[in-house]
C-alpha atoms as a PDB file:
ATOM      1  CA  MET A   1     -50.963  53.880  45.014  1.00  0.00           C
ATOM      2  CA  LEU A   2     -50.979  54.171  48.774  1.00  0.00           C
ATOM      3  CA  SER A   3     -53.861  52.970  50.899  1.00  0.00           C
ATOM      4  CA  PHE A   4     -54.442  53.762  54.577  1.00  0.00           C
ATOM      5  CA  ILE A   5     -57.243  51.822  56.196  1.00  0.00           C
ATOM      6  CA  GLY A   6     -58.520  52.472  59.685  1.00  0.00           C
ATOM      7  CA  ASP A   7     -59.777  55.303  61.838  1.00  0.00           C
ATOM      8  CA  TYR A   8     -57.566  58.375  61.999  1.00  0.00           C
ATOM      9  CA  THR A   9     -58.363  61.719  63.495  1.00  0.00           C
ATOM     10  CA  CYS A  10     -57.048  64.899  61.963  1.00  0.00           C
ATOM     11  CA  LYS A  11     -57.607  68.489  62.975  1.00  0.00           C
ATOM     12  CA  LEU A  12     -58.686  71.470  60.967  1.00  0.00           C
ATOM     13  CA  ASP A  13     -56.669  74.665  61.142  1.00  0.00           C
ATOM     14  CA  SER A  14     -58.210  78.141  61.468  1.00  0.00           C
ATOM     15  CA  LYS A  15     -58.810  78.272  57.684  1.00  0.00           C
ATOM     16  CA  GLY A  16     -60.632  74.924  57.609  1.00  0.00           C
ATOM     17  CA  ARG A  17     -57.741  72.992  56.114  1.00  0.00           C
ATOM     18  CA  ALA A  18     -57.068  69.431  57.261  1.00  0.00           C
ATOM     19  CA  VAL A  19     -53.763  68.833  58.977  1.00  0.00           C
ATOM     20  CA  VAL A  20     -52.452  65.458  57.812  1.00  0.00           C
ATOM     21  CA  GLN A  21     -50.506  63.471  60.363  1.00  0.00           C
ATOM     22  CA  VAL A  22     -46.721  63.442  59.903  1.00  0.00           C
ATOM     23  CA  VAL A  23     -46.548  59.677  59.456  1.00  0.00           C
ATOM     24  CA  PHE A  24     -48.942  59.882  56.480  1.00  0.00           C
ATOM     25  CA  ARG A  25     -47.155  62.861  54.950  1.00  0.00           C
ATOM     26  CA  LYS A  26     -43.843  60.959  55.121  1.00  0.00           C
ATOM     27  CA  GLU A  27     -45.357  57.875  53.487  1.00  0.00           C
ATOM     28  CA  MET A  28     -46.893  59.971  50.732  1.00  0.00           C
ATOM     29  CA  GLN A  29     -43.684  61.866  50.089  1.00  0.00           C
ATOM     30  CA  ALA A  30     -41.694  58.610  50.020  1.00  0.00           C
ATOM     31  CA  ALA A  31     -44.102  57.312  47.383  1.00  0.00           C
ATOM     32  CA  GLY A  32     -43.643  60.526  45.359  1.00  0.00           C
ATOM     33  CA  GLU A  33     -47.125  61.842  46.186  1.00  0.00           C
ATOM     34  CA  VAL A  34     -46.758  65.524  47.072  1.00  0.00           C
ATOM     35  CA  SER A  35     -50.150  66.805  45.860  1.00  0.00           C
ATOM     36  CA  PHE A  36     -53.414  65.155  46.703  1.00  0.00           C
ATOM     37  CA  VAL A  37     -57.156  65.812  46.781  1.00  0.00           C
ATOM     38  CA  MET A  38     -59.446  65.064  49.698  1.00  0.00           C
ATOM     39  CA  ARG A  39     -63.174  64.571  49.394  1.00  0.00           C
ATOM     40  CA  ARG A  40     -65.948  63.352  51.638  1.00  0.00           C
ATOM     41  CA  ASN A  41     -67.017  59.815  50.744  1.00  0.00           C
ATOM     42  CA  ILE A  42     -70.709  59.862  49.877  1.00  0.00           C
ATOM     43  CA  PHE A  43     -71.317  56.285  51.094  1.00  0.00           C
ATOM     44  CA  ASP A  44     -69.254  56.069  54.260  1.00  0.00           C
ATOM     45  CA  GLU A  45     -68.490  58.455  57.074  1.00  0.00           C
ATOM     46  CA  CYS A  46     -64.938  59.101  55.897  1.00  0.00           C
ATOM     47  CA  ILE A  47     -62.679  61.183  53.738  1.00  0.00           C
ATOM     48  CA  ASP A  48     -61.142  59.783  50.569  1.00  0.00           C
ATOM     49  CA  VAL A  49     -57.658  61.010  49.693  1.00  0.00           C
ATOM     50  CA  TYR A  50     -56.425  60.739  46.095  1.00  0.00           C
ATOM     51  CA  PRO A  51     -53.003  61.519  44.683  1.00  0.00           C
ATOM     52  CA  LYS A  52     -53.565  64.431  42.300  1.00  0.00           C
ATOM     53  CA  ASP A  53     -52.730  62.303  39.208  1.00  0.00           C
ATOM     54  CA  GLU A  54     -55.250  59.637  40.237  1.00  0.00           C
ATOM     55  CA  TRP A  55     -57.887  62.287  40.931  1.00  0.00           C
ATOM     56  CA  LEU A  56     -57.386  63.801  37.466  1.00  0.00           C
ATOM     57  CA  LYS A  57     -57.786  60.340  35.882  1.00  0.00           C
ATOM     58  CA  LEU A  58     -60.962  59.771  37.892  1.00  0.00           C
ATOM     59  CA  ILE A  59     -62.379  63.117  36.794  1.00  0.00           C
ATOM     60  CA  ALA A  60     -61.487  62.448  33.150  1.00  0.00           C
ATOM     61  CA  GLY A  61     -63.315  59.130  33.332  1.00  0.00           C
ATOM     62  CA  LEU A  62     -66.384  60.779  34.853  1.00  0.00           C
ATOM     63  CA  ARG A  63     -66.373  63.467  32.155  1.00  0.00           C
ATOM     64  CA  GLU A  64     -66.159  60.805  29.453  1.00  0.00           C
ATOM     65  CA  LYS A  65     -69.138  58.939  30.941  1.00  0.00           C
ATOM     66  CA  LEU A  66     -71.103  62.176  31.297  1.00  0.00           C
ATOM     67  CA  SER A  67     -70.334  63.086  27.704  1.00  0.00           C
ATOM     68  CA  GLN A  68     -71.619  59.711  26.497  1.00  0.00           C
ATOM     69  CA  PHE A  69     -74.688  60.014  28.705  1.00  0.00           C
ATOM     70  CA  ASN A  70     -75.490  63.516  27.421  1.00  0.00           C
ATOM     71  CA  ARG A  71     -74.989  62.368  23.808  1.00  0.00           C
ATOM     72  CA  GLU A  72     -77.423  59.490  24.390  1.00  0.00           C
ATOM     73  CA  GLN A  73     -79.972  61.818  26.027  1.00  0.00           C
ATOM     74  CA  VAL A  74     -79.904  64.132  23.011  1.00  0.00           C
ATOM     75  CA  ARG A  75     -80.283  61.193  20.626  1.00  0.00           C
ATOM     76  CA  SER A  76     -83.130  59.764  22.647  1.00  0.00           C
ATOM     77  CA  LYS A  77     -84.959  63.089  22.519  1.00  0.00           C
ATOM     78  CA  ASN A  78     -84.364  63.352  18.753  1.00  0.00           C
ATOM     79  CA  LYS A  79     -85.700  59.827  18.249  1.00  0.00           C
ATOM     80  CA  GLU A  80     -88.810  60.681  20.308  1.00  0.00           C
ATOM     81  CA  THR A  81     -89.443  63.683  18.084  1.00  0.00           C
ATOM     82  CA  LEU A  82     -88.960  61.626  14.920  1.00  0.00           C
ATOM     83  CA  GLN A  83     -91.225  58.887  16.283  1.00  0.00           C
ATOM     84  CA  ALA A  84     -93.928  61.481  16.960  1.00  0.00           C
ATOM     85  CA  ILE A  85     -93.680  62.597  13.313  1.00  0.00           C
ATOM     86  CA  ILE A  86     -93.905  58.964  12.134  1.00  0.00           C
ATOM     87  CA  ASP A  87     -96.974  58.324  14.335  1.00  0.00           C
ATOM     88  CA  ASN A  88     -98.752  61.567  13.342  1.00  0.00           C
ATOM     89  CA  ASP A  89    -101.688  60.627  11.110  1.00  0.00           C
ATOM     90  CA  SER A  90    -102.173  64.197   9.870  1.00  0.00           C
ATOM     91  CA  LEU A  91     -98.749  64.309   8.094  1.00  0.00           C
ATOM     92  CA  ASP A  92     -98.233  63.099   4.580  1.00  0.00           C
ATOM     93  CA  GLU A  93     -96.189  59.984   3.813  1.00  0.00           C
ATOM     94  CA  SER A  94     -93.176  61.870   2.444  1.00  0.00           C
ATOM     95  CA  LYS A  95     -92.612  63.632   5.805  1.00  0.00           C
ATOM     96  CA  LYS A  96     -92.990  60.317   7.605  1.00  0.00           C
ATOM     97  CA  LYS A  97     -90.539  58.667   5.235  1.00  0.00           C
ATOM     98  CA  ASP A  98     -88.017  61.476   5.848  1.00  0.00           C
ATOM     99  CA  ALA A  99     -88.415  60.951   9.612  1.00  0.00           C
ATOM    100  CA  VAL A 100     -87.841  57.183   9.229  1.00  0.00           C
ATOM    101  CA  ASN A 101     -84.699  57.838   7.163  1.00  0.00           C
ATOM    102  CA  GLU A 102     -83.414  60.325   9.752  1.00  0.00           C
ATOM    103  CA  MET A 103     -84.014  57.811  12.537  1.00  0.00           C
ATOM    104  CA  ILE A 104     -82.097  55.155  10.565  1.00  0.00           C
ATOM    105  CA  THR A 105     -79.250  57.636  10.096  1.00  0.00           C
ATOM    106  CA  LEU A 106     -79.118  58.451  13.828  1.00  0.00           C
ATOM    107  CA  THR A 107     -79.069  54.763  14.702  1.00  0.00           C
ATOM    108  CA  ASP A 108     -76.319  54.087  12.144  1.00  0.00           C
ATOM    109  CA  ILE A 109     -74.145  56.911  13.503  1.00  0.00           C
ATOM    110  CA  ALA A 110     -74.636  55.728  17.108  1.00  0.00           C
ATOM    111  CA  GLU A 111     -73.626  52.191  16.102  1.00  0.00           C
ATOM    112  CA  LYS A 112     -70.498  53.377  14.266  1.00  0.00           C
ATOM    113  CA  GLU A 113     -69.422  55.533  17.221  1.00  0.00           C
ATOM    114  CA  SER A 114     -70.012  52.701  19.658  1.00  0.00           C
ATOM    115  CA  ASN A 115     -68.080  50.194  17.494  1.00  0.00           C
ATOM    116  CA  ALA A 116     -65.116  52.577  17.213  1.00  0.00           C
ATOM    117  CA  GLU A 117     -65.160  53.253  20.983  1.00  0.00           C
ATOM    118  CA  MET A 118     -65.265  49.538  21.814  1.00  0.00           C
ATOM    119  CA  MET A 119     -62.411  48.716  19.410  1.00  0.00           C
ATOM    120  CA  LEU A 120     -60.238  51.534  20.743  1.00  0.00           C
ATOM    121  CA  GLU A 121     -60.869  50.369  24.319  1.00  0.00           C
ATOM    122  CA  ALA A 122     -60.038  46.790  23.295  1.00  0.00           C
ATOM    123  CA  LYS A 123     -56.701  48.066  22.002  1.00  0.00           C
ATOM    124  CA  GLY A 124     -55.929  49.563  25.421  1.00  0.00           C
ATOM    125  CA  PHE A 125     -57.019  53.175  25.049  1.00  0.00           C
ATOM    126  CA  THR A 126     -59.159  54.579  27.890  1.00  0.00           C
ATOM    127  CA  ASP A 127     -61.719  57.349  28.437  1.00  0.00           C
ATOM    128  CA  VAL A 128     -62.731  57.040  24.772  1.00  0.00           C
ATOM    129  CA  VAL A 129     -65.416  59.233  23.186  1.00  0.00           C
ATOM    130  CA  VAL A 130     -66.022  59.119  19.420  1.00  0.00           C
ATOM    131  CA  SER A 131     -68.403  61.737  18.065  1.00  0.00           C
ATOM    132  CA  MET A 132     -69.441  61.867  14.404  1.00  0.00           C
ATOM    133  CA  ASN A 133     -70.889  64.995  12.832  1.00  0.00           C
ATOM    134  CA  ASP A 134     -71.376  66.467   9.379  1.00  0.00           C
ATOM    135  CA  ASP A 135     -67.792  67.790   9.312  1.00  0.00           C
ATOM    136  CA  GLY A 136     -66.112  64.500  10.259  1.00  0.00           C
ATOM    137  CA  CYS A 137     -65.279  62.690  13.447  1.00  0.00           C
ATOM    138  CA  ASP A 138     -63.866  63.860  16.788  1.00  0.00           C
ATOM    139  CA  VAL A 139     -62.015  61.346  18.947  1.00  0.00           C
ATOM    140  CA  VAL A 140     -61.137  62.169  22.554  1.00  0.00           C
ATOM    141  CA  LEU A 141     -59.174  59.524  24.462  1.00  0.00           C
ATOM    142  CA  ASN A 142     -56.458  58.807  26.922  1.00  0.00           C
ATOM    143  CA  MET A 143     -53.632  57.344  24.873  1.00  0.00           C
ATOM    144  CA  GLY A 144     -50.746  57.881  27.286  1.00  0.00           C
ATOM    145  CA  GLU A 145     -47.851  59.299  25.339  1.00  0.00           C
ATOM    146  CA  ALA A 146     -49.299  60.539  22.021  1.00  0.00           C
ATOM    147  CA  THR A 147     -46.870  58.933  19.579  1.00  0.00           C
ATOM    148  CA  ASP A 148     -47.253  58.912  15.804  1.00  0.00           C
ATOM    149  CA  ALA A 149     -47.764  55.142  15.929  1.00  0.00           C
ATOM    150  CA  LYS A 150     -50.654  55.474  18.415  1.00  0.00           C
ATOM    151  CA  ARG A 151     -52.234  58.284  16.395  1.00  0.00           C
ATOM    152  CA  ALA A 152     -51.998  56.118  13.252  1.00  0.00           C
ATOM    153  CA  GLN A 153     -53.575  53.197  15.130  1.00  0.00           C
ATOM    154  CA  VAL A 154     -56.465  55.374  16.355  1.00  0.00           C
ATOM    155  CA  GLU A 155     -56.949  56.875  12.899  1.00  0.00           C
ATOM    156  CA  ASP A 156     -57.006  53.421  11.264  1.00  0.00           C
ATOM    157  CA  ILE A 157     -59.576  52.056  13.717  1.00  0.00           C
ATOM    158  CA  VAL A 158     -61.827  55.119  13.399  1.00  0.00           C
ATOM    159  CA  LYS A 159     -61.626  55.017   9.566  1.00  0.00           C
ATOM    160  CA  ARG A 160     -62.570  51.347   9.473  1.00  0.00           C
ATOM    161  CA  LYS A 161     -65.390  51.548  12.025  1.00  0.00           C
ATOM    162  CA  THR A 162     -66.952  54.847  10.913  1.00  0.00           C
ATOM    163  CA  GLY A 163     -66.083  55.201   7.237  1.00  0.00           C
ATOM    164  CA  VAL A 164     -64.805  58.748   7.838  1.00  0.00           C
ATOM    165  CA  SER A 165     -61.710  59.688   5.825  1.00  0.00           C
ATOM    166  CA  ALA A 166     -58.452  60.371   7.691  1.00  0.00           C
ATOM    167  CA  ASP A 167     -58.422  64.089   6.842  1.00  0.00           C
ATOM    168  CA  LYS A 168     -61.761  64.506   8.648  1.00  0.00           C
ATOM    169  CA  ILE A 169     -60.710  62.783  11.891  1.00  0.00           C
ATOM    170  CA  VAL A 170     -59.607  64.996  14.764  1.00  0.00           C
ATOM    171  CA  ILE A 171     -57.810  63.172  17.594  1.00  0.00           C
ATOM    172  CA  THR A 172     -57.604  64.920  20.950  1.00  0.00           C
ATOM    173  CA  PRO A 173     -55.507  63.117  23.565  1.00  0.00           C
ATOM    174  CA  ILE A 174     -56.227  63.618  27.258  1.00  0.00           C
ATOM    175  CA  GLN A 175     -54.229  62.496  30.258  1.00  0.00           C
END
């Protein structure tokens, strides 16, 4: 990946597009970078320029983190609701016991998903999200070229870490 460090001035055309200096365009073309994305850096007074492939990888990683964050937010809210049921003195013990069992189930699912994600990442897969539901298990990950051997490896890890049978695992590769 190319890196240009320093202060460079570029002009905007009448449509607000940045005109990249010829020397940079030549360097990028020589490196095989013909499409790129520019964005304002939120920490420094500068513009960051990403080759399009690198930008797409960055976005995929952010989506994966957001997906995990959202999943954890939903689980946290569900656990709060269950805890309120458990702490409610006006409810009978059977309802409280059901809430405790549901909380245990939620915790167990979260642990299985996390274990599968960590093992897949340890095996070199990136942007991994494992999501269990009543119908099975969805796995979204960056596996590079999606070969049969890689799919079999993912399936084996997910089966071992989640207990979900192979016919209920859906693998969705991203790049």
